[in-house]
Amino acid sequence: FHFSREFKRTTGKTPHQYLMKFRVDRAKTLLAQSEMPLIEVGLRSGFSHQSHFTRLFRRLTGTTPQAYRVLFQT
């Protein structure tokens, strides 16, 4: 409990929120820089299944992984 409280005081986020944001940021990078399937992006980013990946990605970014890839692919 002490770790969680201090972590939130320092970063402004709970450890779980921080980890989910980190995973979504990793997924954004993979989506923009590769053509790998969405399921593979989700797994490599640390999500256990694609529906969890898609749901969380949409909640944090406001768009789906596929739409993000189309908009931001280089």
PDB file of N, CA and C in Angstrom:
ATOM      1  N   PHE A   1       0.823  -1.189   0.000  1.00  0.00           N
ATOM      2  CA  PHE A   1       0.000   0.000   0.000  1.00  0.00           C
ATOM      3  C   PHE A   1       0.869   1.255   0.000  1.00  0.00           C
ATOM      4  N   HIS A   2       1.953   1.217   0.751  1.00  0.00           N
ATOM      5  CA  HIS A   2       2.843   2.379   0.811  1.00  0.00           C
ATOM      6  C   HIS A   2       3.397   2.701  -0.574  1.00  0.00           C
ATOM      7  N   PHE A   3       3.833   1.680  -1.304  1.00  0.00           N
ATOM      8  CA  PHE A   3       4.361   1.893  -2.655  1.00  0.00           C
ATOM      9  C   PHE A   3       3.328   2.565  -3.539  1.00  0.00           C
ATOM     10  N   SER A   4       2.109   2.045  -3.555  1.00  0.00           N
ATOM     11  CA  SER A   4       1.056   2.603  -4.405  1.00  0.00           C
ATOM     12  C   SER A   4       0.771   4.055  -4.067  1.00  0.00           C
ATOM     13  N   ARG A   5       0.696   4.354  -2.813  1.00  0.00           N
ATOM     14  CA  ARG A   5       0.402   5.722  -2.366  1.00  0.00           C
ATOM     15  C   ARG A   5       1.526   6.674  -2.793  1.00  0.00           C
ATOM     16  N   GLU A   6       2.770   6.269  -2.593  1.00  0.00           N
ATOM     17  CA  GLU A   6       3.905   7.114  -2.969  1.00  0.00           C
ATOM     18  C   GLU A   6       4.032   7.231  -4.485  1.00  0.00           C
ATOM     19  N   PHE A   7       3.757   6.141  -5.197  1.00  0.00           N
ATOM     20  CA  PHE A   7       3.814   6.161  -6.653  1.00  0.00           C
ATOM     21  C   PHE A   7       2.808   7.173  -7.196  1.00  0.00           C
ATOM     22  N   LYS A   8       1.583   7.127  -6.683  1.00  0.00           N
ATOM     23  CA  LYS A   8       0.552   8.053  -7.138  1.00  0.00           C
ATOM     24  C   LYS A   8       0.903   9.485  -6.760  1.00  0.00           C
ATOM     25  N   ARG A   9       1.465   9.686  -5.599  1.00  0.00           N
ATOM     26  CA  ARG A   9       1.858  11.031  -5.189  1.00  0.00           C
ATOM     27  C   ARG A   9       2.939  11.585  -6.112  1.00  0.00           C
ATOM     28  N   THR A  10       3.849  10.730  -6.547  1.00  0.00           N
ATOM     29  CA  THR A  10       4.956  11.155  -7.394  1.00  0.00           C
ATOM     30  C   THR A  10       4.550  11.345  -8.848  1.00  0.00           C
ATOM     31  N   THR A  11       3.812  10.375  -9.402  1.00  0.00           N
ATOM     32  CA  THR A  11       3.495  10.404 -10.833  1.00  0.00           C
ATOM     33  C   THR A  11       2.122  10.972 -11.149  1.00  0.00           C
ATOM     34  N   GLY A  12       1.232  10.987 -10.163  1.00  0.00           N
ATOM     35  CA  GLY A  12      -0.125  11.443 -10.415  1.00  0.00           C
ATOM     36  C   GLY A  12      -1.042  10.347 -10.921  1.00  0.00           C
ATOM     37  N   LYS A  13      -0.518   9.139 -11.062  1.00  0.00           N
ATOM     38  CA  LYS A  13      -1.298   8.002 -11.540  1.00  0.00           C
ATOM     39  C   LYS A  13      -1.034   6.797 -10.656  1.00  0.00           C
ATOM     40  N   THR A  14      -2.009   5.897 -10.608  1.00  0.00           N
ATOM     41  CA  THR A  14      -1.788   4.653  -9.895  1.00  0.00           C
ATOM     42  C   THR A  14      -0.827   3.799 -10.715  1.00  0.00           C
ATOM     43  N   PRO A  15      -0.180   2.816 -10.101  1.00  0.00           N
ATOM     44  CA  PRO A  15       0.702   1.943 -10.879  1.00  0.00           C
ATOM     45  C   PRO A  15      -0.019   1.283 -12.058  1.00  0.00           C
ATOM     46  N   HIS A  16      -1.270   0.882 -11.866  1.00  0.00           N
ATOM     47  CA  HIS A  16      -2.020   0.248 -12.949  1.00  0.00           C
ATOM     48  C   HIS A  16      -2.287   1.229 -14.088  1.00  0.00           C
ATOM     49  N   GLN A  17      -2.683   2.445 -13.774  1.00  0.00           N
ATOM     50  CA  GLN A  17      -2.926   3.456 -14.806  1.00  0.00           C
ATOM     51  C   GLN A  17      -1.637   3.756 -15.580  1.00  0.00           C
ATOM     52  N   TYR A  18      -0.542   3.849 -14.855  1.00  0.00           N
ATOM     53  CA  TYR A  18       0.748   4.111 -15.482  1.00  0.00           C
ATOM     54  C   TYR A  18       1.125   2.983 -16.446  1.00  0.00           C
ATOM     55  N   LEU A  19       0.945   1.758 -16.015  1.00  0.00           N
ATOM     56  CA  LEU A  19       1.272   0.605 -16.845  1.00  0.00           C
ATOM     57  C   LEU A  19       0.393   0.552 -18.092  1.00  0.00           C
ATOM     58  N   MET A  20      -0.906   0.807 -17.953  1.00  0.00           N
ATOM     59  CA  MET A  20      -1.802   0.781 -19.111  1.00  0.00           C
ATOM     60  C   MET A  20      -1.428   1.869 -20.114  1.00  0.00           C
ATOM     61  N   LYS A  21      -1.082   3.057 -19.633  1.00  0.00           N
ATOM     62  CA  LYS A  21      -0.656   4.127 -20.533  1.00  0.00           C
ATOM     63  C   LYS A  21       0.640   3.745 -21.234  1.00  0.00           C
ATOM     64  N   PHE A  22       1.561   3.127 -20.502  1.00  0.00           N
ATOM     65  CA  PHE A  22       2.818   2.674 -21.095  1.00  0.00           C
ATOM     66  C   PHE A  22       2.553   1.659 -22.211  1.00  0.00           C
ATOM     67  N   ARG A  23       1.649   0.712 -21.959  1.00  0.00           N
ATOM     68  CA  ARG A  23       1.323  -0.302 -22.961  1.00  0.00           C
ATOM     69  C   ARG A  23       0.674   0.319 -24.194  1.00  0.00           C
ATOM     70  N   VAL A  24      -0.218   1.268 -23.999  1.00  0.00           N
ATOM     71  CA  VAL A  24      -0.872   1.928 -25.140  1.00  0.00           C
ATOM     72  C   VAL A  24       0.153   2.750 -25.930  1.00  0.00           C
ATOM     73  N   ASP A  25       1.067   3.402 -25.249  1.00  0.00           N
ATOM     74  CA  ASP A  25       2.110   4.155 -25.951  1.00  0.00           C
ATOM     75  C   ASP A  25       2.984   3.222 -26.786  1.00  0.00           C
ATOM     76  N   ARG A  26       3.293   2.064 -26.246  1.00  0.00           N
ATOM     77  CA  ARG A  26       4.073   1.066 -26.999  1.00  0.00           C
ATOM     78  C   ARG A  26       3.287   0.608 -28.219  1.00  0.00           C
ATOM     79  N   ALA A  27       1.997   0.378 -28.051  1.00  0.00           N
ATOM     80  CA  ALA A  27       1.147  -0.041 -29.159  1.00  0.00           C
ATOM     81  C   ALA A  27       1.082   1.044 -30.239  1.00  0.00           C
ATOM     82  N   LYS A  28       1.017   2.297 -29.851  1.00  0.00           N
ATOM     83  CA  LYS A  28       0.992   3.399 -30.818  1.00  0.00           C
ATOM     84  C   LYS A  28       2.241   3.365 -31.691  1.00  0.00           C
ATOM     85  N   THR A  29       3.377   3.154 -31.059  1.00  0.00           N
ATOM     86  CA  THR A  29       4.634   3.078 -31.798  1.00  0.00           C
ATOM     87  C   THR A  29       4.613   1.919 -32.787  1.00  0.00           C
ATOM     88  N   LEU A  30       4.182   0.759 -32.332  1.00  0.00           N
ATOM     89  CA  LEU A  30       4.132  -0.409 -33.212  1.00  0.00           C
ATOM     90  C   LEU A  30       3.137  -0.209 -34.356  1.00  0.00           C
ATOM     91  N   LEU A  31       2.006   0.395 -34.075  1.00  0.00           N
ATOM     92  CA  LEU A  31       1.007   0.630 -35.111  1.00  0.00           C
ATOM     93  C   LEU A  31       1.521   1.594 -36.175  1.00  0.00           C
ATOM     94  N   ALA A  32       2.234   2.608 -35.756  1.00  0.00           N
ATOM     95  CA  ALA A  32       2.720   3.612 -36.695  1.00  0.00           C
ATOM     96  C   ALA A  32       3.922   3.135 -37.506  1.00  0.00           C
ATOM     97  N   GLN A  33       4.696   2.211 -36.964  1.00  0.00           N
ATOM     98  CA  GLN A  33       5.947   1.839 -37.618  1.00  0.00           C
ATOM     99  C   GLN A  33       5.971   0.447 -38.232  1.00  0.00           C
ATOM    100  N   SER A  34       4.881  -0.296 -38.139  1.00  0.00           N
ATOM    101  CA  SER A  34       4.919  -1.651 -38.681  1.00  0.00           C
ATOM    102  C   SER A  34       3.580  -2.024 -39.313  1.00  0.00           C
ATOM    103  N   GLU A  35       3.591  -3.116 -40.024  1.00  0.00           N
ATOM    104  CA  GLU A  35       2.391  -3.648 -40.659  1.00  0.00           C
ATOM    105  C   GLU A  35       1.904  -4.914 -39.963  1.00  0.00           C
ATOM    106  N   MET A  36       2.421  -5.199 -38.766  1.00  0.00           N
ATOM    107  CA  MET A  36       2.021  -6.435 -38.092  1.00  0.00           C
ATOM    108  C   MET A  36       0.534  -6.389 -37.753  1.00  0.00           C
ATOM    109  N   PRO A  37      -0.107  -7.541 -37.703  1.00  0.00           N
ATOM    110  CA  PRO A  37      -1.545  -7.600 -37.392  1.00  0.00           C
ATOM    111  C   PRO A  37      -1.849  -6.989 -36.022  1.00  0.00           C
ATOM    112  N   LEU A  38      -3.062  -6.488 -35.875  1.00  0.00           N
ATOM    113  CA  LEU A  38      -3.460  -5.839 -34.630  1.00  0.00           C
ATOM    114  C   LEU A  38      -3.339  -6.767 -33.434  1.00  0.00           C
ATOM    115  N   ILE A  39      -3.667  -8.033 -33.608  1.00  0.00           N
ATOM    116  CA  ILE A  39      -3.561  -8.983 -32.499  1.00  0.00           C
ATOM    117  C   ILE A  39      -2.114  -9.089 -32.031  1.00  0.00           C
ATOM    118  N   GLU A  40      -1.182  -9.082 -32.977  1.00  0.00           N
ATOM    119  CA  GLU A  40       0.241  -9.161 -32.635  1.00  0.00           C
ATOM    120  C   GLU A  40       0.695  -7.895 -31.918  1.00  0.00           C
ATOM    121  N   VAL A  41       0.220  -6.747 -32.356  1.00  0.00           N
ATOM    122  CA  VAL A  41       0.553  -5.487 -31.689  1.00  0.00           C
ATOM    123  C   VAL A  41       0.068  -5.531 -30.243  1.00  0.00           C
ATOM    124  N   GLY A  42      -1.160  -5.985 -30.047  1.00  0.00           N
ATOM    125  CA  GLY A  42      -1.709  -6.081 -28.696  1.00  0.00           C
ATOM    126  C   GLY A  42      -0.905  -7.007 -27.811  1.00  0.00           C
ATOM    127  N   LEU A  43      -0.547  -8.164 -28.334  1.00  0.00           N
ATOM    128  CA  LEU A  43       0.225  -9.128 -27.548  1.00  0.00           C
ATOM    129  C   LEU A  43       1.619  -8.606 -27.223  1.00  0.00           C
ATOM    130  N   ARG A  44       2.268  -7.986 -28.194  1.00  0.00           N
ATOM    131  CA  ARG A  44       3.616  -7.449 -27.960  1.00  0.00           C
ATOM    132  C   ARG A  44       3.603  -6.251 -27.019  1.00  0.00           C
ATOM    133  N   SER A  45       2.465  -5.610 -26.913  1.00  0.00           N
ATOM    134  CA  SER A  45       2.341  -4.471 -26.004  1.00  0.00           C
ATOM    135  C   SER A  45       1.989  -4.904 -24.584  1.00  0.00           C
ATOM    136  N   GLY A  46       1.684  -6.185 -24.402  1.00  0.00           N
ATOM    137  CA  GLY A  46       1.433  -6.698 -23.066  1.00  0.00           C
ATOM    138  C   GLY A  46      -0.017  -6.971 -22.732  1.00  0.00           C
ATOM    139  N   PHE A  47      -0.909  -6.887 -23.722  1.00  0.00           N
ATOM    140  CA  PHE A  47      -2.318  -7.189 -23.479  1.00  0.00           C
ATOM    141  C   PHE A  47      -2.563  -8.675 -23.689  1.00  0.00           C
ATOM    142  N   SER A  48      -3.480  -9.233 -22.920  1.00  0.00           N
ATOM    143  CA  SER A  48      -3.707 -10.672 -22.984  1.00  0.00           C
ATOM    144  C   SER A  48      -4.591 -11.081 -24.156  1.00  0.00           C
ATOM    145  N   HIS A  49      -5.456 -10.185 -24.613  1.00  0.00           N
ATOM    146  CA  HIS A  49      -6.294 -10.493 -25.772  1.00  0.00           C
ATOM    147  C   HIS A  49      -6.671  -9.202 -26.488  1.00  0.00           C
ATOM    148  N   GLN A  50      -7.084  -9.351 -27.746  1.00  0.00           N
ATOM    149  CA  GLN A  50      -7.315  -8.204 -28.602  1.00  0.00           C
ATOM    150  C   GLN A  50      -8.466  -7.320 -28.125  1.00  0.00           C
ATOM    151  N   SER A  51      -9.513  -7.911 -27.562  1.00  0.00           N
ATOM    152  CA  SER A  51     -10.635  -7.085 -27.132  1.00  0.00           C
ATOM    153  C   SER A  51     -10.234  -6.149 -25.985  1.00  0.00           C
ATOM    154  N   HIS A  52      -9.413  -6.637 -25.081  1.00  0.00           N
ATOM    155  CA  HIS A  52      -8.925  -5.773 -23.993  1.00  0.00           C
ATOM    156  C   HIS A  52      -8.050  -4.669 -24.569  1.00  0.00           C
ATOM    157  N   PHE A  53      -7.188  -5.023 -25.498  1.00  0.00           N
ATOM    158  CA  PHE A  53      -6.326  -4.051 -26.163  1.00  0.00           C
ATOM    159  C   PHE A  53      -7.157  -2.968 -26.851  1.00  0.00           C
ATOM    160  N   THR A  54      -8.129  -3.384 -27.654  1.00  0.00           N
ATOM    161  CA  THR A  54      -8.948  -2.429 -28.399  1.00  0.00           C
ATOM    162  C   THR A  54      -9.764  -1.543 -27.471  1.00  0.00           C
ATOM    163  N   ARG A  55     -10.371  -2.122 -26.462  1.00  0.00           N
ATOM    164  CA  ARG A  55     -11.195  -1.364 -25.521  1.00  0.00           C
ATOM    165  C   ARG A  55     -10.370  -0.310 -24.782  1.00  0.00           C
ATOM    166  N   LEU A  56      -9.222  -0.697 -24.269  1.00  0.00           N
ATOM    167  CA  LEU A  56      -8.379   0.237 -23.530  1.00  0.00           C
ATOM    168  C   LEU A  56      -7.765   1.286 -24.459  1.00  0.00           C
ATOM    169  N   PHE A  57      -7.350   0.867 -25.636  1.00  0.00           N
ATOM    170  CA  PHE A  57      -6.777   1.801 -26.604  1.00  0.00           C
ATOM    171  C   PHE A  57      -7.796   2.884 -26.953  1.00  0.00           C
ATOM    172  N   ARG A  58      -9.034   2.475 -27.204  1.00  0.00           N
ATOM    173  CA  ARG A  58     -10.081   3.434 -27.544  1.00  0.00           C
ATOM    174  C   ARG A  58     -10.360   4.377 -26.380  1.00  0.00           C
ATOM    175  N   ARG A  59     -10.395   3.840 -25.164  1.00  0.00           N
ATOM    176  CA  ARG A  59     -10.678   4.672 -23.994  1.00  0.00           C
ATOM    177  C   ARG A  59      -9.587   5.724 -23.781  1.00  0.00           C
ATOM    178  N   LEU A  60      -8.321   5.366 -24.000  1.00  0.00           N
ATOM    179  CA  LEU A  60      -7.226   6.296 -23.739  1.00  0.00           C
ATOM    180  C   LEU A  60      -6.909   7.227 -24.904  1.00  0.00           C
ATOM    181  N   THR A  61      -7.205   6.806 -26.131  1.00  0.00           N
ATOM    182  CA  THR A  61      -6.850   7.638 -27.289  1.00  0.00           C
ATOM    183  C   THR A  61      -8.051   8.238 -28.003  1.00  0.00           C
ATOM    184  N   GLY A  62      -9.234   7.662 -27.800  1.00  0.00           N
ATOM    185  CA  GLY A  62     -10.420   8.163 -28.482  1.00  0.00           C
ATOM    186  C   GLY A  62     -10.610   7.593 -29.874  1.00  0.00           C
ATOM    187  N   THR A  63      -9.777   6.644 -30.266  1.00  0.00           N
ATOM    188  CA  THR A  63      -9.888   6.021 -31.580  1.00  0.00           C
ATOM    189  C   THR A  63      -9.503   4.549 -31.474  1.00  0.00           C
ATOM    190  N   THR A  64      -9.869   3.782 -32.464  1.00  0.00           N
ATOM    191  CA  THR A  64      -9.523   2.358 -32.465  1.00  0.00           C
ATOM    192  C   THR A  64      -8.087   2.176 -32.954  1.00  0.00           C
ATOM    193  N   PRO A  65      -7.484   1.038 -32.668  1.00  0.00           N
ATOM    194  CA  PRO A  65      -6.125   0.797 -33.164  1.00  0.00           C
ATOM    195  C   PRO A  65      -6.032   0.867 -34.692  1.00  0.00           C
ATOM    196  N   GLN A  66      -7.016   0.319 -35.384  1.00  0.00           N
ATOM    197  CA  GLN A  66      -6.980   0.345 -36.846  1.00  0.00           C
ATOM    198  C   GLN A  66      -7.080   1.769 -37.374  1.00  0.00           C
ATOM    199  N   ALA A  67      -7.953   2.577 -36.824  1.00  0.00           N
ATOM    200  CA  ALA A  67      -8.087   3.965 -37.258  1.00  0.00           C
ATOM    201  C   ALA A  67      -6.795   4.742 -36.943  1.00  0.00           C
ATOM    202  N   TYR A  68      -6.188   4.471 -35.823  1.00  0.00           N
ATOM    203  CA  TYR A  68      -4.938   5.116 -35.456  1.00  0.00           C
ATOM    204  C   TYR A  68      -3.861   4.765 -36.477  1.00  0.00           C
ATOM    205  N   ARG A  69      -3.801   3.524 -36.860  1.00  0.00           N
ATOM    206  CA  ARG A  69      -2.787   3.088 -37.830  1.00  0.00           C
ATOM    207  C   ARG A  69      -2.968   3.815 -39.147  1.00  0.00           C
ATOM    208  N   VAL A  70      -4.205   3.928 -39.608  1.00  0.00           N
ATOM    209  CA  VAL A  70      -4.476   4.599 -40.880  1.00  0.00           C
ATOM    210  C   VAL A  70      -4.070   6.078 -40.808  1.00  0.00           C
ATOM    211  N   LEU A  71      -4.353   6.728 -39.696  1.00  0.00           N
ATOM    212  CA  LEU A  71      -4.064   8.163 -39.547  1.00  0.00           C
ATOM    213  C   LEU A  71      -2.587   8.474 -39.370  1.00  0.00           C
ATOM    214  N   PHE A  72      -1.867   7.631 -38.650  1.00  0.00           N
ATOM    215  CA  PHE A  72      -0.526   7.983 -38.234  1.00  0.00           C
ATOM    216  C   PHE A  72       0.594   7.130 -38.809  1.00  0.00           C
ATOM    217  N   GLN A  73       0.294   6.283 -39.738  1.00  0.00           N
ATOM    218  CA  GLN A  73       1.346   5.441 -40.295  1.00  0.00           C
ATOM    219  C   GLN A  73       2.272   6.272 -41.166  1.00  0.00           C
ATOM    220  N   THR A  74       3.559   6.056 -40.986  1.00  0.00           N
ATOM    221  CA  THR A  74       4.552   6.824 -41.723  1.00  0.00           C
ATOM    222  C   THR A  74       5.010   6.100 -42.955  1.00  0.00           C
TER     223      THR A  74
END
